[in-house]
Amino acid sequence: MWTKEVLGTDVYHLVAAFVIYSMLGWLLESIYMSICNRKLTNRGFARSPFCPIYGFGAVSCYLLLSPLKGQYVKIYLIGAVLATLFEYLVGRGMLRLFGEIWWDYKEKPFNFQGIICLESTIAWGFYALGVIGFVHAGVYRLIDRVAFDRGVRLVEIILCVVTVDYVIQLLRAFHIDVREKGAQFRERCRSLIARWY
């Protein structure tokens, strides 16, 4: 699975890049918001230093826009529009799932529903240029510095930890008491077993 090619890149490099971008995105946004709030701020949904919106966005940006390498205006414009659309869709999805969005652009000029704004759209275009121009090559060099087997194991461990972290946070967000549900599940199993014996 890890060596299978997708759009000219193997799955291992894509998944490892997703992990790195998710962690870098968390770091940059947490630093920025900590400065803005004048206190340490975790910008992730969970406790782990991981924002998958950045990982998905950067890897998608690379896959979609790398054929345009050298065409800076196109990369900027398409990157800005696609990232803004992605941010809007994620925001709408969060509203449906959680009843809230974890960012608020209502105070920003030229915002739409507080989910997207012109300032972010402008920034997304520059991010697209950065990813295509030099960041992605550096991320791949970092990935290649680790032996393949170790890299796969490291990616698997990180994704397992993040998955557990996110499941716990989702259970909390939906107010699901795992102990109560576990007790109900055990009771159902006991009654099912009792019927057969």
C-alpha atoms as a PDB file:
ATOM      1  CA  MET A   1       0.000   0.000   0.000  1.00  0.00           C
ATOM      2  CA  TRP A   2       2.702   2.506   0.966  1.00  0.00           C
ATOM      3  CA  THR A   3       4.511   2.221  -2.366  1.00  0.00           C
ATOM      4  CA  LYS A   4       1.409   2.503  -4.569  1.00  0.00           C
ATOM      5  CA  GLU A   5       1.542   5.585  -6.795  1.00  0.00           C
ATOM      6  CA  VAL A   6      -1.083   8.326  -6.773  1.00  0.00           C
ATOM      7  CA  LEU A   7      -0.649  11.102  -9.341  1.00  0.00           C
ATOM      8  CA  GLY A   8       3.074  10.402  -9.660  1.00  0.00           C
ATOM      9  CA  THR A   9       3.800  10.205  -5.920  1.00  0.00           C
ATOM     10  CA  ASP A  10       3.792   7.178  -3.659  1.00  0.00           C
ATOM     11  CA  VAL A  11       1.258   6.909  -0.843  1.00  0.00           C
ATOM     12  CA  TYR A  12       3.996   6.974   1.813  1.00  0.00           C
ATOM     13  CA  HIS A  13       5.238  10.421   0.746  1.00  0.00           C
ATOM     14  CA  LEU A  14       1.684  11.787   0.509  1.00  0.00           C
ATOM     15  CA  VAL A  15       0.667  10.505   3.957  1.00  0.00           C
ATOM     16  CA  ALA A  16       3.963  11.562   5.565  1.00  0.00           C
ATOM     17  CA  ALA A  17       3.592  15.023   3.974  1.00  0.00           C
ATOM     18  CA  PHE A  18       0.015  15.188   5.307  1.00  0.00           C
ATOM     19  CA  VAL A  19       1.319  14.457   8.819  1.00  0.00           C
ATOM     20  CA  ILE A  20       4.098  17.060   8.579  1.00  0.00           C
ATOM     21  CA  TYR A  21       1.817  19.770   7.148  1.00  0.00           C
ATOM     22  CA  SER A  22      -0.830  19.033   9.792  1.00  0.00           C
ATOM     23  CA  MET A  23       1.758  19.489  12.534  1.00  0.00           C
ATOM     24  CA  LEU A  24       3.351  22.561  10.925  1.00  0.00           C
ATOM     25  CA  GLY A  25      -0.072  24.138  10.418  1.00  0.00           C
ATOM     26  CA  TRP A  26      -0.922  23.550  14.082  1.00  0.00           C
ATOM     27  CA  LEU A  27       2.422  25.047  15.151  1.00  0.00           C
ATOM     28  CA  LEU A  28       2.157  28.168  12.988  1.00  0.00           C
ATOM     29  CA  GLU A  29      -1.474  28.852  13.840  1.00  0.00           C
ATOM     30  CA  SER A  30      -0.906  28.228  17.564  1.00  0.00           C
ATOM     31  CA  ILE A  31       2.057  30.627  17.572  1.00  0.00           C
ATOM     32  CA  TYR A  32       0.072  33.268  15.663  1.00  0.00           C
ATOM     33  CA  MET A  33      -2.979  32.963  17.920  1.00  0.00           C
ATOM     34  CA  SER A  34      -0.818  32.887  21.065  1.00  0.00           C
ATOM     35  CA  ILE A  35       0.681  36.225  19.999  1.00  0.00           C
ATOM     36  CA  CYS A  36      -2.778  37.639  19.176  1.00  0.00           C
ATOM     37  CA  ASN A  37      -4.286  36.395  22.464  1.00  0.00           C
ATOM     38  CA  ARG A  38      -1.178  37.200  24.514  1.00  0.00           C
ATOM     39  CA  LYS A  39      -1.378  33.710  26.056  1.00  0.00           C
ATOM     40  CA  LEU A  40      -0.571  30.169  24.946  1.00  0.00           C
ATOM     41  CA  THR A  41      -3.326  28.985  22.623  1.00  0.00           C
ATOM     42  CA  ASN A  42      -3.813  25.474  21.245  1.00  0.00           C
ATOM     43  CA  ARG A  43      -5.455  25.893  17.845  1.00  0.00           C
ATOM     44  CA  GLY A  44      -6.105  22.210  17.366  1.00  0.00           C
ATOM     45  CA  PHE A  45      -9.410  20.432  17.926  1.00  0.00           C
ATOM     46  CA  ALA A  46      -7.743  17.823  20.097  1.00  0.00           C
ATOM     47  CA  ARG A  47      -4.811  17.800  22.478  1.00  0.00           C
ATOM     48  CA  SER A  48      -2.261  16.561  19.946  1.00  0.00           C
ATOM     49  CA  PRO A  49      -0.317  19.106  17.875  1.00  0.00           C
ATOM     50  CA  PHE A  50      -2.235  18.323  14.713  1.00  0.00           C
ATOM     51  CA  CYS A  51      -4.571  20.308  12.410  1.00  0.00           C
ATOM     52  CA  PRO A  52      -5.614  18.004   9.557  1.00  0.00           C
ATOM     53  CA  ILE A  53      -7.163  20.889   7.611  1.00  0.00           C
ATOM     54  CA  TYR A  54      -3.606  22.110   6.917  1.00  0.00           C
ATOM     55  CA  GLY A  55      -2.349  18.652   5.966  1.00  0.00           C
ATOM     56  CA  PHE A  56      -5.237  17.997   3.622  1.00  0.00           C
ATOM     57  CA  GLY A  57      -5.061  21.512   2.185  1.00  0.00           C
ATOM     58  CA  ALA A  58      -1.299  21.463   1.532  1.00  0.00           C
ATOM     59  CA  VAL A  59      -1.221  17.967   0.004  1.00  0.00           C
ATOM     60  CA  SER A  60      -4.266  18.782  -2.162  1.00  0.00           C
ATOM     61  CA  CYS A  61      -2.650  22.071  -3.171  1.00  0.00           C
ATOM     62  CA  TYR A  62       0.491  20.240  -4.237  1.00  0.00           C
ATOM     63  CA  LEU A  63      -1.371  17.549  -6.175  1.00  0.00           C
ATOM     64  CA  LEU A  64      -3.641  20.028  -7.948  1.00  0.00           C
ATOM     65  CA  LEU A  65      -1.261  22.907  -8.563  1.00  0.00           C
ATOM     66  CA  SER A  66       2.179  21.331  -9.104  1.00  0.00           C
ATOM     67  CA  PRO A  67       1.494  20.952 -12.859  1.00  0.00           C
ATOM     68  CA  LEU A  68       1.352  24.781 -12.933  1.00  0.00           C
ATOM     69  CA  LYS A  69       4.868  25.154 -11.487  1.00  0.00           C
ATOM     70  CA  GLY A  70       6.378  28.419 -12.727  1.00  0.00           C
ATOM     71  CA  GLN A  71       2.971  29.972 -13.516  1.00  0.00           C
ATOM     72  CA  TYR A  72       2.873  32.084 -10.372  1.00  0.00           C
ATOM     73  CA  VAL A  73      -0.243  34.134 -11.085  1.00  0.00           C
ATOM     74  CA  LYS A  74      -2.305  31.025 -11.858  1.00  0.00           C
ATOM     75  CA  ILE A  75      -0.984  29.213  -8.774  1.00  0.00           C
ATOM     76  CA  TYR A  76      -1.812  32.240  -6.613  1.00  0.00           C
ATOM     77  CA  LEU A  77      -5.344  32.743  -7.964  1.00  0.00           C
ATOM     78  CA  ILE A  78      -6.364  29.082  -8.133  1.00  0.00           C
ATOM     79  CA  GLY A  79      -4.762  28.380  -4.741  1.00  0.00           C
ATOM     80  CA  ALA A  80      -6.578  31.313  -3.130  1.00  0.00           C
ATOM     81  CA  VAL A  81      -9.957  30.319  -4.583  1.00  0.00           C
ATOM     82  CA  LEU A  82      -9.642  26.578  -3.843  1.00  0.00           C
ATOM     83  CA  ALA A  83      -8.387  27.105  -0.276  1.00  0.00           C
ATOM     84  CA  THR A  84     -11.171  29.612   0.416  1.00  0.00           C
ATOM     85  CA  LEU A  85     -13.754  27.183  -0.938  1.00  0.00           C
ATOM     86  CA  PHE A  86     -12.253  24.400   1.193  1.00  0.00           C
ATOM     87  CA  GLU A  87     -12.274  26.637   4.292  1.00  0.00           C
ATOM     88  CA  TYR A  88     -15.911  27.513   3.647  1.00  0.00           C
ATOM     89  CA  LEU A  89     -16.958  23.872   3.203  1.00  0.00           C
ATOM     90  CA  VAL A  90     -15.102  22.831   6.369  1.00  0.00           C
ATOM     91  CA  GLY A  91     -16.732  25.720   8.257  1.00  0.00           C
ATOM     92  CA  ARG A  92     -20.217  24.743   7.057  1.00  0.00           C
ATOM     93  CA  GLY A  93     -19.514  21.117   7.967  1.00  0.00           C
ATOM     94  CA  MET A  94     -18.416  22.145  11.463  1.00  0.00           C
ATOM     95  CA  LEU A  95     -21.589  24.183  11.899  1.00  0.00           C
ATOM     96  CA  ARG A  96     -23.694  21.157  11.006  1.00  0.00           C
ATOM     97  CA  LEU A  97     -21.721  18.731  13.166  1.00  0.00           C
ATOM     98  CA  PHE A  98     -20.849  20.835  16.199  1.00  0.00           C
ATOM     99  CA  GLY A  99     -23.050  23.909  15.934  1.00  0.00           C
ATOM    100  CA  GLU A 100     -19.977  26.149  15.939  1.00  0.00           C
ATOM    101  CA  ILE A 101     -16.847  27.037  13.971  1.00  0.00           C
ATOM    102  CA  TRP A 102     -13.434  27.160  15.578  1.00  0.00           C
ATOM    103  CA  TRP A 103     -12.563  30.436  13.884  1.00  0.00           C
ATOM    104  CA  ASP A 104     -14.501  33.651  13.503  1.00  0.00           C
ATOM    105  CA  TYR A 105     -13.958  36.241  10.795  1.00  0.00           C
ATOM    106  CA  LYS A 106     -17.007  38.364  11.681  1.00  0.00           C
ATOM    107  CA  GLU A 107     -14.757  41.222  12.781  1.00  0.00           C
ATOM    108  CA  LYS A 108     -12.729  41.098   9.565  1.00  0.00           C
ATOM    109  CA  PRO A 109     -13.670  43.298   6.604  1.00  0.00           C
ATOM    110  CA  PHE A 110     -15.148  41.572   3.561  1.00  0.00           C
ATOM    111  CA  ASN A 111     -16.129  38.419   5.426  1.00  0.00           C
ATOM    112  CA  PHE A 112     -18.894  36.016   4.448  1.00  0.00           C
ATOM    113  CA  GLN A 113     -20.890  34.508   7.320  1.00  0.00           C
ATOM    114  CA  GLY A 114     -17.803  34.832   9.509  1.00  0.00           C
ATOM    115  CA  ILE A 115     -16.445  31.685   7.832  1.00  0.00           C
ATOM    116  CA  ILE A 116     -14.279  33.187   5.098  1.00  0.00           C
ATOM    117  CA  CYS A 117     -12.797  36.625   4.544  1.00  0.00           C
ATOM    118  CA  LEU A 118     -10.736  38.504   1.995  1.00  0.00           C
ATOM    119  CA  GLU A 119      -7.684  38.648   4.270  1.00  0.00           C
ATOM    120  CA  SER A 120      -7.536  34.847   4.517  1.00  0.00           C
ATOM    121  CA  THR A 121      -8.181  34.425   0.803  1.00  0.00           C
ATOM    122  CA  ILE A 122      -5.190  36.666   0.053  1.00  0.00           C
ATOM    123  CA  ALA A 123      -3.061  34.682   2.515  1.00  0.00           C
ATOM    124  CA  TRP A 124      -4.146  31.321   1.018  1.00  0.00           C
ATOM    125  CA  GLY A 125      -2.810  32.432  -2.374  1.00  0.00           C
ATOM    126  CA  PHE A 126       0.592  33.141  -0.837  1.00  0.00           C
ATOM    127  CA  TYR A 127       0.499  29.810   1.015  1.00  0.00           C
ATOM    128  CA  ALA A 128      -0.151  28.052  -2.319  1.00  0.00           C
ATOM    129  CA  LEU A 129       2.856  29.818  -3.858  1.00  0.00           C
ATOM    130  CA  GLY A 130       4.983  28.817  -0.861  1.00  0.00           C
ATOM    131  CA  VAL A 131       3.912  25.169  -0.936  1.00  0.00           C
ATOM    132  CA  ILE A 132       4.502  24.802  -4.677  1.00  0.00           C
ATOM    133  CA  GLY A 133       7.601  27.036  -4.794  1.00  0.00           C
ATOM    134  CA  PHE A 134       9.767  25.605  -2.020  1.00  0.00           C
ATOM    135  CA  VAL A 135       8.040  24.165   1.067  1.00  0.00           C
ATOM    136  CA  HIS A 136       6.943  20.894  -0.518  1.00  0.00           C
ATOM    137  CA  ALA A 137      10.440  20.104  -1.782  1.00  0.00           C
ATOM    138  CA  GLY A 138      11.766  20.680   1.752  1.00  0.00           C
ATOM    139  CA  VAL A 139       9.060  18.451   3.245  1.00  0.00           C
ATOM    140  CA  TYR A 140       9.996  15.650   0.825  1.00  0.00           C
ATOM    141  CA  ARG A 141      13.686  16.059   1.674  1.00  0.00           C
ATOM    142  CA  LEU A 142      12.774  15.720   5.361  1.00  0.00           C
ATOM    143  CA  ILE A 143      10.711  12.599   4.646  1.00  0.00           C
ATOM    144  CA  ASP A 144      13.582  11.068   2.647  1.00  0.00           C
ATOM    145  CA  ARG A 145      16.044  11.590   5.510  1.00  0.00           C
ATOM    146  CA  VAL A 146      14.258   8.846   7.452  1.00  0.00           C
ATOM    147  CA  ALA A 147      14.615   5.225   6.323  1.00  0.00           C
ATOM    148  CA  PHE A 148      11.417   3.981   4.643  1.00  0.00           C
ATOM    149  CA  ASP A 149      10.582   1.288   7.245  1.00  0.00           C
ATOM    150  CA  ARG A 150      11.143   3.656  10.162  1.00  0.00           C
ATOM    151  CA  GLY A 151       9.211   6.405   8.418  1.00  0.00           C
ATOM    152  CA  VAL A 152       6.218   4.145   7.822  1.00  0.00           C
ATOM    153  CA  ARG A 153       6.259   3.030  11.462  1.00  0.00           C
ATOM    154  CA  LEU A 154       6.548   6.636  12.676  1.00  0.00           C
ATOM    155  CA  VAL A 155       3.661   7.783  10.441  1.00  0.00           C
ATOM    156  CA  GLU A 156       1.506   4.864  11.651  1.00  0.00           C
ATOM    157  CA  ILE A 157       2.225   5.673  15.306  1.00  0.00           C
ATOM    158  CA  ILE A 158       1.470   9.374  14.860  1.00  0.00           C
ATOM    159  CA  LEU A 159      -1.781   8.647  13.010  1.00  0.00           C
ATOM    160  CA  CYS A 160      -2.850   6.124  15.685  1.00  0.00           C
ATOM    161  CA  VAL A 161      -2.195   8.609  18.505  1.00  0.00           C
ATOM    162  CA  VAL A 162      -3.997  11.390  16.623  1.00  0.00           C
ATOM    163  CA  THR A 163      -6.935   9.089  15.809  1.00  0.00           C
ATOM    164  CA  VAL A 164      -7.367   8.105  19.470  1.00  0.00           C
ATOM    165  CA  ASP A 165      -7.068  11.756  20.493  1.00  0.00           C
ATOM    166  CA  TYR A 166      -9.672  12.849  17.932  1.00  0.00           C
ATOM    167  CA  VAL A 167     -12.083  10.035  18.846  1.00  0.00           C
ATOM    168  CA  ILE A 168     -11.894  11.080  22.511  1.00  0.00           C
ATOM    169  CA  GLN A 169     -12.494  14.728  21.612  1.00  0.00           C
ATOM    170  CA  LEU A 170     -15.386  13.839  19.297  1.00  0.00           C
ATOM    171  CA  LEU A 171     -17.010  11.760  22.044  1.00  0.00           C
ATOM    172  CA  ARG A 172     -16.696  14.764  24.359  1.00  0.00           C
ATOM    173  CA  ALA A 173     -17.983  17.166  21.715  1.00  0.00           C
ATOM    174  CA  PHE A 174     -21.075  15.009  21.189  1.00  0.00           C
ATOM    175  CA  HIS A 175     -21.457  14.505  24.974  1.00  0.00           C
ATOM    176  CA  ILE A 176     -21.116  10.723  24.728  1.00  0.00           C
ATOM    177  CA  ASP A 177     -20.176   9.100  28.026  1.00  0.00           C
ATOM    178  CA  VAL A 178     -18.069   6.105  27.027  1.00  0.00           C
ATOM    179  CA  ARG A 179     -18.392   4.470  30.468  1.00  0.00           C
ATOM    180  CA  GLU A 180     -22.178   4.694  30.318  1.00  0.00           C
ATOM    181  CA  LYS A 181     -22.292   3.400  26.734  1.00  0.00           C
ATOM    182  CA  GLY A 182     -19.820   0.652  27.669  1.00  0.00           C
ATOM    183  CA  ALA A 183     -22.024  -0.448  30.554  1.00  0.00           C
ATOM    184  CA  GLN A 184     -25.052  -0.504  28.246  1.00  0.00           C
ATOM    185  CA  PHE A 185     -23.098  -2.524  25.695  1.00  0.00           C
ATOM    186  CA  ARG A 186     -21.950  -5.040  28.334  1.00  0.00           C
ATOM    187  CA  GLU A 187     -25.529  -5.400  29.587  1.00  0.00           C
ATOM    188  CA  ARG A 188     -26.800  -6.061  26.068  1.00  0.00           C
ATOM    189  CA  CYS A 189     -24.098  -8.694  25.573  1.00  0.00           C
ATOM    190  CA  ARG A 190     -25.015 -10.389  28.852  1.00  0.00           C
ATOM    191  CA  SER A 191     -28.727 -10.506  27.934  1.00  0.00           C
ATOM    192  CA  LEU A 192     -27.881 -11.842  24.470  1.00  0.00           C
ATOM    193  CA  ILE A 193     -25.668 -14.546  25.965  1.00  0.00           C
ATOM    194  CA  ALA A 194     -28.343 -15.360  28.564  1.00  0.00           C
ATOM    195  CA  ARG A 195     -30.860 -16.007  25.783  1.00  0.00           C
ATOM    196  CA  TRP A 196     -28.581 -18.612  24.231  1.00  0.00           C
ATOM    197  CA  TYR A 197     -27.758 -20.495  27.446  1.00  0.00           C
END
